[in-house]
């Protein structure tokens, strides 16, 4: 089954979150070439509060969605101070690339 077909089976919030992460992968050199999340400006990273605001969902809902993606090993979450930074894994980057091609 093509990735696009599987992607369409996800609920709206999960699709929106994956789309948001995919859009931000290539947005800045710092984001896509991330080595250490402690050295990057907060404006180039996705954090839970930013995700909740951009998707217009509650912080709790954003947290639950990110935890689900983390269980699937699609994102990694780093705690920097009080912020939780969401970083896509290579697995999610490959899915994003496949979605762009389809």
PDB file of N, CA and C in Angstrom:
ATOM      1  N   UNK A   1       0.854  -1.180   0.000  1.00  0.00           N
ATOM      2  CA  UNK A   1       0.000   0.000   0.000  1.00  0.00           C
ATOM      3  C   UNK A   1       0.901   1.244   0.000  1.00  0.00           C
ATOM      4  N   UNK A   2       0.639   2.200  -0.865  1.00  0.00           N
ATOM      5  CA  UNK A   2       1.465   3.412  -0.912  1.00  0.00           C
ATOM      6  C   UNK A   2       1.375   4.209   0.390  1.00  0.00           C
ATOM      7  N   UNK A   3       2.436   4.932   0.687  1.00  0.00           N
ATOM      8  CA  UNK A   3       2.501   5.718   1.915  1.00  0.00           C
ATOM      9  C   UNK A   3       1.383   6.750   1.965  1.00  0.00           C
ATOM     10  N   UNK A   4       1.064   7.365   0.854  1.00  0.00           N
ATOM     11  CA  UNK A   4       0.010   8.385   0.811  1.00  0.00           C
ATOM     12  C   UNK A   4      -1.331   7.795   1.254  1.00  0.00           C
ATOM     13  N   UNK A   5      -1.616   6.569   0.850  1.00  0.00           N
ATOM     14  CA  UNK A   5      -2.872   5.919   1.235  1.00  0.00           C
ATOM     15  C   UNK A   5      -2.899   5.656   2.742  1.00  0.00           C
ATOM     16  N   UNK A   6      -1.786   5.210   3.290  1.00  0.00           N
ATOM     17  CA  UNK A   6      -1.699   4.986   4.741  1.00  0.00           C
ATOM     18  C   UNK A   6      -1.804   6.305   5.495  1.00  0.00           C
ATOM     19  N   UNK A   7      -1.150   7.333   4.977  1.00  0.00           N
ATOM     20  CA  UNK A   7      -1.194   8.669   5.578  1.00  0.00           C
ATOM     21  C   UNK A   7      -2.633   9.183   5.659  1.00  0.00           C
ATOM     22  N   UNK A   8      -3.409   8.929   4.617  1.00  0.00           N
ATOM     23  CA  UNK A   8      -4.796   9.386   4.580  1.00  0.00           C
ATOM     24  C   UNK A   8      -5.685   8.654   5.583  1.00  0.00           C
ATOM     25  N   UNK A   9      -5.243   7.505   6.076  1.00  0.00           N
ATOM     26  CA  UNK A   9      -6.013   6.762   7.073  1.00  0.00           C
ATOM     27  C   UNK A   9      -5.875   7.359   8.478  1.00  0.00           C
ATOM     28  N   UNK A  10      -4.849   8.193   8.682  1.00  0.00           N
ATOM     29  CA  UNK A  10      -4.643   8.813   9.992  1.00  0.00           C
ATOM     30  C   UNK A  10      -5.712   9.862  10.263  1.00  0.00           C
ATOM     31  N   UNK A  11      -5.968  10.109  11.544  1.00  0.00           N
ATOM     32  CA  UNK A  11      -6.942  11.154  11.867  1.00  0.00           C
ATOM     33  C   UNK A  11      -6.364  12.533  11.533  1.00  0.00           C
ATOM     34  N   UNK A  12      -7.225  13.531  11.519  1.00  0.00           N
ATOM     35  CA  UNK A  12      -6.867  14.885  11.085  1.00  0.00           C
ATOM     36  C   UNK A  12      -5.697  15.467  11.882  1.00  0.00           C
ATOM     37  N   UNK A  13      -5.716  15.339  13.214  1.00  0.00           N
ATOM     38  CA  UNK A  13      -4.649  15.930  14.033  1.00  0.00           C
ATOM     39  C   UNK A  13      -3.300  15.296  13.764  1.00  0.00           C
ATOM     40  N   UNK A  14      -3.268  13.970  13.599  1.00  0.00           N
ATOM     41  CA  UNK A  14      -1.994  13.293  13.318  1.00  0.00           C
ATOM     42  C   UNK A  14      -1.464  13.710  11.942  1.00  0.00           C
ATOM     43  N   UNK A  15      -2.354  13.775  10.959  1.00  0.00           N
ATOM     44  CA  UNK A  15      -1.928  14.221   9.626  1.00  0.00           C
ATOM     45  C   UNK A  15      -1.391  15.645   9.683  1.00  0.00           C
ATOM     46  N   UNK A  16      -2.076  16.508  10.423  1.00  0.00           N
ATOM     47  CA  UNK A  16      -1.651  17.908  10.532  1.00  0.00           C
ATOM     48  C   UNK A  16      -0.288  18.018  11.195  1.00  0.00           C
ATOM     49  N   UNK A  17      -0.057  17.218  12.246  1.00  0.00           N
ATOM     50  CA  UNK A  17       1.232  17.247  12.932  1.00  0.00           C
ATOM     51  C   UNK A  17       2.353  16.755  12.027  1.00  0.00           C
ATOM     52  N   UNK A  18       2.124  15.653  11.334  1.00  0.00           N
ATOM     53  CA  UNK A  18       3.142  15.131  10.416  1.00  0.00           C
ATOM     54  C   UNK A  18       3.410  16.138   9.304  1.00  0.00           C
ATOM     55  N   UNK A  19       2.371  16.759   8.785  1.00  0.00           N
ATOM     56  CA  UNK A  19       2.545  17.770   7.742  1.00  0.00           C
ATOM     57  C   UNK A  19       3.361  18.957   8.265  1.00  0.00           C
ATOM     58  N   UNK A  20       3.066  19.407   9.478  1.00  0.00           N
ATOM     59  CA  UNK A  20       3.805  20.514  10.082  1.00  0.00           C
ATOM     60  C   UNK A  20       5.281  20.167  10.240  1.00  0.00           C
ATOM     61  N   UNK A  21       5.560  18.969  10.727  1.00  0.00           N
ATOM     62  CA  UNK A  21       6.952  18.545  10.899  1.00  0.00           C
ATOM     63  C   UNK A  21       7.637  18.438   9.547  1.00  0.00           C
ATOM     64  N   UNK A  22       6.957  17.848   8.569  1.00  0.00           N
ATOM     65  CA  UNK A  22       7.542  17.711   7.226  1.00  0.00           C
ATOM     66  C   UNK A  22       7.847  19.075   6.612  1.00  0.00           C
ATOM     67  N   UNK A  23       6.961  20.038   6.801  1.00  0.00           N
ATOM     68  CA  UNK A  23       7.191  21.379   6.259  1.00  0.00           C
ATOM     69  C   UNK A  23       8.385  22.049   6.908  1.00  0.00           C
ATOM     70  N   UNK A  24       8.651  21.743   8.168  1.00  0.00           N
ATOM     71  CA  UNK A  24       9.737  22.381   8.894  1.00  0.00           C
ATOM     72  C   UNK A  24      11.083  21.692   8.726  1.00  0.00           C
ATOM     73  N   UNK A  25      11.111  20.503   8.155  1.00  0.00           N
ATOM     74  CA  UNK A  25      12.379  19.790   7.987  1.00  0.00           C
ATOM     75  C   UNK A  25      13.331  20.576   7.114  1.00  0.00           C
ATOM     76  N   UNK A  26      12.874  21.054   5.981  1.00  0.00           N
ATOM     77  CA  UNK A  26      13.759  21.759   5.071  1.00  0.00           C
ATOM     78  C   UNK A  26      13.759  23.256   5.249  1.00  0.00           C
ATOM     79  N   UNK A  27      13.014  23.754   6.247  1.00  0.00           N
ATOM     80  CA  UNK A  27      12.846  25.200   6.409  1.00  0.00           C
ATOM     81  C   UNK A  27      14.146  25.917   6.749  1.00  0.00           C
ATOM     82  N   UNK A  28      14.960  25.301   7.589  1.00  0.00           N
ATOM     83  CA  UNK A  28      16.220  25.954   7.940  1.00  0.00           C
ATOM     84  C   UNK A  28      17.338  24.931   7.956  1.00  0.00           C
ATOM     85  N   UNK A  29      18.511  25.376   7.633  1.00  0.00           N
ATOM     86  CA  UNK A  29      19.676  24.514   7.630  1.00  0.00           C
ATOM     87  C   UNK A  29      19.911  23.953   9.035  1.00  0.00           C
ATOM     88  N   UNK A  30      19.703  24.789  10.051  1.00  0.00           N
ATOM     89  CA  UNK A  30      19.941  24.365  11.425  1.00  0.00           C
ATOM     90  C   UNK A  30      19.022  23.226  11.816  1.00  0.00           C
ATOM     91  N   UNK A  31      17.751  23.286  11.393  1.00  0.00           N
ATOM     92  CA  UNK A  31      16.783  22.261  11.774  1.00  0.00           C
ATOM     93  C   UNK A  31      17.134  20.927  11.127  1.00  0.00           C
ATOM     94  N   UNK A  32      17.435  20.941   9.850  1.00  0.00           N
ATOM     95  CA  UNK A  32      17.680  19.680   9.157  1.00  0.00           C
ATOM     96  C   UNK A  32      19.050  19.091   9.468  1.00  0.00           C
ATOM     97  N   UNK A  33      19.989  19.916   9.882  1.00  0.00           N
ATOM     98  CA  UNK A  33      21.331  19.428  10.182  1.00  0.00           C
ATOM     99  C   UNK A  33      21.568  19.406  11.688  1.00  0.00           C
ATOM    100  N   UNK A  34      20.523  19.161  12.425  1.00  0.00           N
ATOM    101  CA  UNK A  34      20.598  19.236  13.879  1.00  0.00           C
ATOM    102  C   UNK A  34      21.556  18.191  14.445  1.00  0.00           C
ATOM    103  N   UNK A  35      22.451  18.652  15.280  1.00  0.00           N
ATOM    104  CA  UNK A  35      23.368  17.765  15.975  1.00  0.00           C
ATOM    105  C   UNK A  35      23.072  17.826  17.465  1.00  0.00           C
ATOM    106  N   UNK A  36      23.004  19.016  18.011  1.00  0.00           N
ATOM    107  CA  UNK A  36      22.775  19.204  19.433  1.00  0.00           C
ATOM    108  C   UNK A  36      21.657  20.217  19.633  1.00  0.00           C
ATOM    109  N   UNK A  37      20.497  19.784  20.157  1.00  0.00           N
ATOM    110  CA  UNK A  37      19.364  20.706  20.288  1.00  0.00           C
ATOM    111  C   UNK A  37      19.637  21.851  21.259  1.00  0.00           C
ATOM    112  N   UNK A  38      20.677  21.753  22.072  1.00  0.00           N
ATOM    113  CA  UNK A  38      20.986  22.811  23.037  1.00  0.00           C
ATOM    114  C   UNK A  38      21.640  24.026  22.381  1.00  0.00           C
ATOM    115  N   UNK A  39      22.124  23.867  21.163  1.00  0.00           N
ATOM    116  CA  UNK A  39      22.855  24.955  20.518  1.00  0.00           C
ATOM    117  C   UNK A  39      22.038  25.707  19.477  1.00  0.00           C
ATOM    118  N   UNK A  40      20.800  25.336  19.271  1.00  0.00           N
ATOM    119  CA  UNK A  40      19.979  25.904  18.213  1.00  0.00           C
ATOM    120  C   UNK A  40      18.983  26.901  18.801  1.00  0.00           C
ATOM    121  N   UNK A  41      18.709  27.957  18.078  1.00  0.00           N
ATOM    122  CA  UNK A  41      17.727  28.955  18.516  1.00  0.00           C
ATOM    123  C   UNK A  41      16.332  28.338  18.568  1.00  0.00           C
ATOM    124  N   UNK A  42      15.516  28.759  19.523  1.00  0.00           N
ATOM    125  CA  UNK A  42      14.167  28.220  19.697  1.00  0.00           C
ATOM    126  C   UNK A  42      13.267  28.536  18.499  1.00  0.00           C
ATOM    127  N   UNK A  43      13.615  29.545  17.718  1.00  0.00           N
ATOM    128  CA  UNK A  43      12.773  29.926  16.578  1.00  0.00           C
ATOM    129  C   UNK A  43      12.873  28.931  15.427  1.00  0.00           C
ATOM    130  N   UNK A  44      13.924  28.130  15.388  1.00  0.00           N
ATOM    131  CA  UNK A  44      14.091  27.187  14.292  1.00  0.00           C
ATOM    132  C   UNK A  44      13.618  25.786  14.667  1.00  0.00           C
ATOM    133  N   UNK A  45      13.195  25.594  15.913  1.00  0.00           N
ATOM    134  CA  UNK A  45      12.788  24.276  16.364  1.00  0.00           C
ATOM    135  C   UNK A  45      11.293  24.215  16.621  1.00  0.00           C
ATOM    136  N   UNK A  46      10.759  23.018  16.525  1.00  0.00           N
ATOM    137  CA  UNK A  46       9.363  22.806  16.896  1.00  0.00           C
ATOM    138  C   UNK A  46       9.321  22.371  18.351  1.00  0.00           C
ATOM    139  N   UNK A  47       8.548  23.055  19.142  1.00  0.00           N
ATOM    140  CA  UNK A  47       8.364  22.661  20.531  1.00  0.00           C
ATOM    141  C   UNK A  47       6.877  22.482  20.765  1.00  0.00           C
ATOM    142  N   UNK A  48       6.510  21.816  21.854  1.00  0.00           N
ATOM    143  CA  UNK A  48       5.104  21.472  22.081  1.00  0.00           C
ATOM    144  C   UNK A  48       4.176  22.681  22.054  1.00  0.00           C
ATOM    145  N   UNK A  49       4.587  23.770  22.685  1.00  0.00           N
ATOM    146  CA  UNK A  49       3.734  24.960  22.707  1.00  0.00           C
ATOM    147  C   UNK A  49       3.545  25.504  21.293  1.00  0.00           C
ATOM    148  N   UNK A  50       4.626  25.542  20.518  1.00  0.00           N
ATOM    149  CA  UNK A  50       4.537  26.015  19.132  1.00  0.00           C
ATOM    150  C   UNK A  50       3.654  25.116  18.284  1.00  0.00           C
ATOM    151  N   UNK A  51       3.759  23.809  18.490  1.00  0.00           N
ATOM    152  CA  UNK A  51       2.924  22.861  17.752  1.00  0.00           C
ATOM    153  C   UNK A  51       1.452  23.099  18.092  1.00  0.00           C
ATOM    154  N   UNK A  52       1.167  23.232  19.390  1.00  0.00           N
ATOM    155  CA  UNK A  52      -0.219  23.458  19.814  1.00  0.00           C
ATOM    156  C   UNK A  52      -0.775  24.739  19.205  1.00  0.00           C
ATOM    157  N   UNK A  53       0.027  25.783  19.183  1.00  0.00           N
ATOM    158  CA  UNK A  53      -0.436  27.057  18.608  1.00  0.00           C
ATOM    159  C   UNK A  53      -0.652  26.952  17.107  1.00  0.00           C
ATOM    160  N   UNK A  54       0.308  26.362  16.400  1.00  0.00           N
ATOM    161  CA  UNK A  54       0.196  26.281  14.943  1.00  0.00           C
ATOM    162  C   UNK A  54      -0.959  25.390  14.498  1.00  0.00           C
ATOM    163  N   UNK A  55      -1.220  24.326  15.248  1.00  0.00           N
ATOM    164  CA  UNK A  55      -2.307  23.416  14.882  1.00  0.00           C
ATOM    165  C   UNK A  55      -3.635  23.802  15.524  1.00  0.00           C
ATOM    166  N   UNK A  56      -3.585  24.825  16.380  1.00  0.00           N
ATOM    167  CA  UNK A  56      -4.770  25.298  17.099  1.00  0.00           C
ATOM    168  C   UNK A  56      -5.438  24.177  17.887  1.00  0.00           C
ATOM    169  N   UNK A  57      -4.618  23.467  18.660  1.00  0.00           N
ATOM    170  CA  UNK A  57      -5.095  22.417  19.546  1.00  0.00           C
ATOM    171  C   UNK A  57      -4.542  22.691  20.938  1.00  0.00           C
ATOM    172  N   UNK A  58      -5.052  21.988  21.930  1.00  0.00           N
ATOM    173  CA  UNK A  58      -4.569  22.198  23.289  1.00  0.00           C
ATOM    174  C   UNK A  58      -3.158  21.631  23.448  1.00  0.00           C
ATOM    175  N   UNK A  59      -2.451  22.118  24.442  1.00  0.00           N
ATOM    176  CA  UNK A  59      -1.098  21.639  24.729  1.00  0.00           C
ATOM    177  C   UNK A  59      -1.143  20.153  25.069  1.00  0.00           C
ATOM    178  N   UNK A  60      -2.165  19.729  25.804  1.00  0.00           N
ATOM    179  CA  UNK A  60      -2.315  18.328  26.183  1.00  0.00           C
ATOM    180  C   UNK A  60      -2.491  17.447  24.952  1.00  0.00           C
ATOM    181  N   UNK A  61      -3.312  17.885  24.011  1.00  0.00           N
ATOM    182  CA  UNK A  61      -3.516  17.125  22.773  1.00  0.00           C
ATOM    183  C   UNK A  61      -2.223  17.041  21.977  1.00  0.00           C
ATOM    184  N   UNK A  62      -1.502  18.155  21.880  1.00  0.00           N
ATOM    185  CA  UNK A  62      -0.215  18.158  21.173  1.00  0.00           C
ATOM    186  C   UNK A  62       0.753  17.184  21.837  1.00  0.00           C
ATOM    187  N   UNK A  63       0.788  17.188  23.152  1.00  0.00           N
ATOM    188  CA  UNK A  63       1.672  16.286  23.895  1.00  0.00           C
ATOM    189  C   UNK A  63       1.324  14.827  23.610  1.00  0.00           C
ATOM    190  N   UNK A  64       0.041  14.506  23.597  1.00  0.00           N
ATOM    191  CA  UNK A  64      -0.391  13.129  23.321  1.00  0.00           C
ATOM    192  C   UNK A  64      -0.027  12.703  21.896  1.00  0.00           C
ATOM    193  N   UNK A  65      -0.225  13.602  20.936  1.00  0.00           N
ATOM    194  CA  UNK A  65       0.111  13.292  19.543  1.00  0.00           C
ATOM    195  C   UNK A  65       1.606  13.036  19.382  1.00  0.00           C
ATOM    196  N   UNK A  66       2.413  13.876  20.022  1.00  0.00           N
ATOM    197  CA  UNK A  66       3.866  13.725  19.927  1.00  0.00           C
ATOM    198  C   UNK A  66       4.298  12.423  20.590  1.00  0.00           C
ATOM    199  N   UNK A  67       3.691  12.075  21.728  1.00  0.00           N
ATOM    200  CA  UNK A  67       4.030  10.809  22.395  1.00  0.00           C
ATOM    201  C   UNK A  67       3.716   9.621  21.507  1.00  0.00           C
ATOM    202  N   UNK A  68       2.602   9.678  20.767  1.00  0.00           N
ATOM    203  CA  UNK A  68       2.254   8.598  19.850  1.00  0.00           C
ATOM    204  C   UNK A  68       3.294   8.467  18.744  1.00  0.00           C
ATOM    205  N   UNK A  69       3.728   9.600  18.192  1.00  0.00           N
ATOM    206  CA  UNK A  69       4.764   9.557  17.155  1.00  0.00           C
ATOM    207  C   UNK A  69       6.091   9.077  17.722  1.00  0.00           C
ATOM    208  N   UNK A  70       6.356   9.435  18.969  1.00  0.00           N
ATOM    209  CA  UNK A  70       7.598   9.003  19.626  1.00  0.00           C
ATOM    210  C   UNK A  70       7.589   7.488  19.824  1.00  0.00           C
ATOM    211  N   UNK A  71       6.453   6.912  20.189  1.00  0.00           N
ATOM    212  CA  UNK A  71       6.347   5.457  20.352  1.00  0.00           C
ATOM    213  C   UNK A  71       6.613   4.734  19.038  1.00  0.00           C
ATOM    214  N   UNK A  72       6.228   5.369  17.925  1.00  0.00           N
ATOM    215  CA  UNK A  72       6.448   4.788  16.597  1.00  0.00           C
ATOM    216  C   UNK A  72       7.848   5.087  16.065  1.00  0.00           C
ATOM    217  N   UNK A  73       8.657   5.751  16.886  1.00  0.00           N
ATOM    218  CA  UNK A  73      10.031   6.145  16.535  1.00  0.00           C
ATOM    219  C   UNK A  73      10.082   7.056  15.320  1.00  0.00           C
ATOM    220  N   UNK A  74       9.076   7.940  15.207  1.00  0.00           N
ATOM    221  CA  UNK A  74       9.050   8.917  14.117  1.00  0.00           C
ATOM    222  C   UNK A  74       9.637  10.253  14.546  1.00  0.00           C
ATOM    223  N   UNK A  75       9.622  10.527  15.851  1.00  0.00           N
ATOM    224  CA  UNK A  75      10.224  11.747  16.386  1.00  0.00           C
ATOM    225  C   UNK A  75      10.980  11.420  17.667  1.00  0.00           C
ATOM    226  N   UNK A  76      11.904  12.309  18.002  1.00  0.00           N
ATOM    227  CA  UNK A  76      12.588  12.251  19.286  1.00  0.00           C
ATOM    228  C   UNK A  76      12.246  13.535  20.012  1.00  0.00           C
ATOM    229  N   UNK A  77      12.090  13.454  21.325  1.00  0.00           N
ATOM    230  CA  UNK A  77      11.755  14.630  22.120  1.00  0.00           C
ATOM    231  C   UNK A  77      12.902  14.895  23.077  1.00  0.00           C
ATOM    232  N   UNK A  78      13.416  16.118  23.027  1.00  0.00           N
ATOM    233  CA  UNK A  78      14.496  16.552  23.909  1.00  0.00           C
ATOM    234  C   UNK A  78      13.958  17.628  24.838  1.00  0.00           C
ATOM    235  N   UNK A  79      14.326  17.545  26.091  1.00  0.00           N
ATOM    236  CA  UNK A  79      13.949  18.590  27.043  1.00  0.00           C
ATOM    237  C   UNK A  79      15.090  19.581  27.146  1.00  0.00           C
ATOM    238  N   UNK A  80      14.803  20.824  26.818  1.00  0.00           N
ATOM    239  CA  UNK A  80      15.775  21.910  26.907  1.00  0.00           C
ATOM    240  C   UNK A  80      15.149  22.940  27.839  1.00  0.00           C
ATOM    241  N   UNK A  81      15.626  22.967  29.080  1.00  0.00           N
ATOM    242  CA  UNK A  81      14.977  23.804  30.081  1.00  0.00           C
ATOM    243  C   UNK A  81      13.580  23.264  30.310  1.00  0.00           C
ATOM    244  N   UNK A  82      12.586  24.124  30.191  1.00  0.00           N
ATOM    245  CA  UNK A  82      11.192  23.687  30.344  1.00  0.00           C
ATOM    246  C   UNK A  82      10.579  23.248  29.022  1.00  0.00           C
ATOM    247  N   UNK A  83      11.232  23.584  27.932  1.00  0.00           N
ATOM    248  CA  UNK A  83      10.683  23.282  26.602  1.00  0.00           C
ATOM    249  C   UNK A  83      10.957  21.839  26.200  1.00  0.00           C
ATOM    250  N   UNK A  84      10.008  21.262  25.474  1.00  0.00           N
ATOM    251  CA  UNK A  84      10.185  19.934  24.895  1.00  0.00           C
ATOM    252  C   UNK A  84      10.283  20.124  23.389  1.00  0.00           C
ATOM    253  N   UNK A  85      11.459  19.830  22.867  1.00  0.00           N
ATOM    254  CA  UNK A  85      11.756  20.037  21.450  1.00  0.00           C
ATOM    255  C   UNK A  85      11.489  18.745  20.689  1.00  0.00           C
ATOM    256  N   UNK A  86      10.777  18.852  19.575  1.00  0.00           N
ATOM    257  CA  UNK A  86      10.404  17.696  18.764  1.00  0.00           C
ATOM    258  C   UNK A  86      11.289  17.664  17.527  1.00  0.00           C
ATOM    259  N   UNK A  87      12.023  16.567  17.371  1.00  0.00           N
ATOM    260  CA  UNK A  87      12.962  16.398  16.264  1.00  0.00           C
ATOM    261  C   UNK A  87      12.551  15.164  15.454  1.00  0.00           C
ATOM    262  N   UNK A  88      12.390  15.291  14.145  1.00  0.00           N
ATOM    263  CA  UNK A  88      12.035  14.124  13.330  1.00  0.00           C
ATOM    264  C   UNK A  88      13.208  13.158  13.220  1.00  0.00           C
ATOM    265  N   UNK A  89      12.906  11.872  13.197  1.00  0.00           N
ATOM    266  CA  UNK A  89      13.942  10.860  13.002  1.00  0.00           C
ATOM    267  C   UNK A  89      14.130  10.647  11.497  1.00  0.00           C
ATOM    268  N   UNK A  90      15.116   9.859  11.148  1.00  0.00           N
ATOM    269  CA  UNK A  90      15.351   9.537   9.740  1.00  0.00           C
ATOM    270  C   UNK A  90      14.147   8.808   9.150  1.00  0.00           C
ATOM    271  N   UNK A  91      13.480   8.016   9.971  1.00  0.00           N
ATOM    272  CA  UNK A  91      12.289   7.277   9.533  1.00  0.00           C
ATOM    273  C   UNK A  91      11.191   8.252   9.069  1.00  0.00           C
ATOM    274  N   UNK A  92      10.942   9.303   9.849  1.00  0.00           N
ATOM    275  CA  UNK A  92       9.925  10.291   9.467  1.00  0.00           C
ATOM    276  C   UNK A  92      10.398  11.115   8.275  1.00  0.00           C
ATOM    277  N   UNK A  93      11.679  11.421   8.219  1.00  0.00           N
ATOM    278  CA  UNK A  93      12.193  12.169   7.068  1.00  0.00           C
ATOM    279  C   UNK A  93      11.980  11.392   5.780  1.00  0.00           C
ATOM    280  N   UNK A  94      12.164  10.072   5.837  1.00  0.00           N
ATOM    281  CA  UNK A  94      11.941   9.232   4.656  1.00  0.00           C
ATOM    282  C   UNK A  94      10.465   9.242   4.270  1.00  0.00           C
ATOM    283  N   UNK A  95       9.585   9.218   5.257  1.00  0.00           N
ATOM    284  CA  UNK A  95       8.142   9.271   4.977  1.00  0.00           C
ATOM    285  C   UNK A  95       7.779  10.607   4.344  1.00  0.00           C
ATOM    286  N   UNK A  96       8.346  11.690   4.865  1.00  0.00           N
ATOM    287  CA  UNK A  96       8.085  13.018   4.303  1.00  0.00           C
ATOM    288  C   UNK A  96       8.530  13.093   2.849  1.00  0.00           C
ATOM    289  N   UNK A  97       9.690  12.536   2.563  1.00  0.00           N
ATOM    290  CA  UNK A  97      10.190  12.514   1.182  1.00  0.00           C
ATOM    291  C   UNK A  97       9.242  11.718   0.276  1.00  0.00           C
ATOM    292  N   UNK A  98       8.773  10.590   0.763  1.00  0.00           N
ATOM    293  CA  UNK A  98       7.857   9.758  -0.027  1.00  0.00           C
ATOM    294  C   UNK A  98       6.544  10.503  -0.259  1.00  0.00           C
ATOM    295  N   UNK A  99       6.058  11.220   0.740  1.00  0.00           N
ATOM    296  CA  UNK A  99       4.819  11.987   0.579  1.00  0.00           C
ATOM    297  C   UNK A  99       4.983  13.116  -0.432  1.00  0.00           C
ATOM    298  N   UNK A 100       6.156  13.732  -0.448  1.00  0.00           N
ATOM    299  CA  UNK A 100       6.418  14.821  -1.421  1.00  0.00           C
ATOM    300  C   UNK A 100       6.433  14.296  -2.844  1.00  0.00           C
ATOM    301  N   UNK A 101       6.957  13.083  -3.031  1.00  0.00           N
ATOM    302  CA  UNK A 101       7.060  12.511  -4.370  1.00  0.00           C
ATOM    303  C   UNK A 101       5.707  12.062  -4.912  1.00  0.00           C
ATOM    304  N   UNK A 102       4.807  11.635  -4.016  1.00  0.00           N
ATOM    305  CA  UNK A 102       3.507  11.107  -4.469  1.00  0.00           C
ATOM    306  C   UNK A 102       2.537  12.210  -4.802  1.00  0.00           C
TER     307      UNK A 102
END
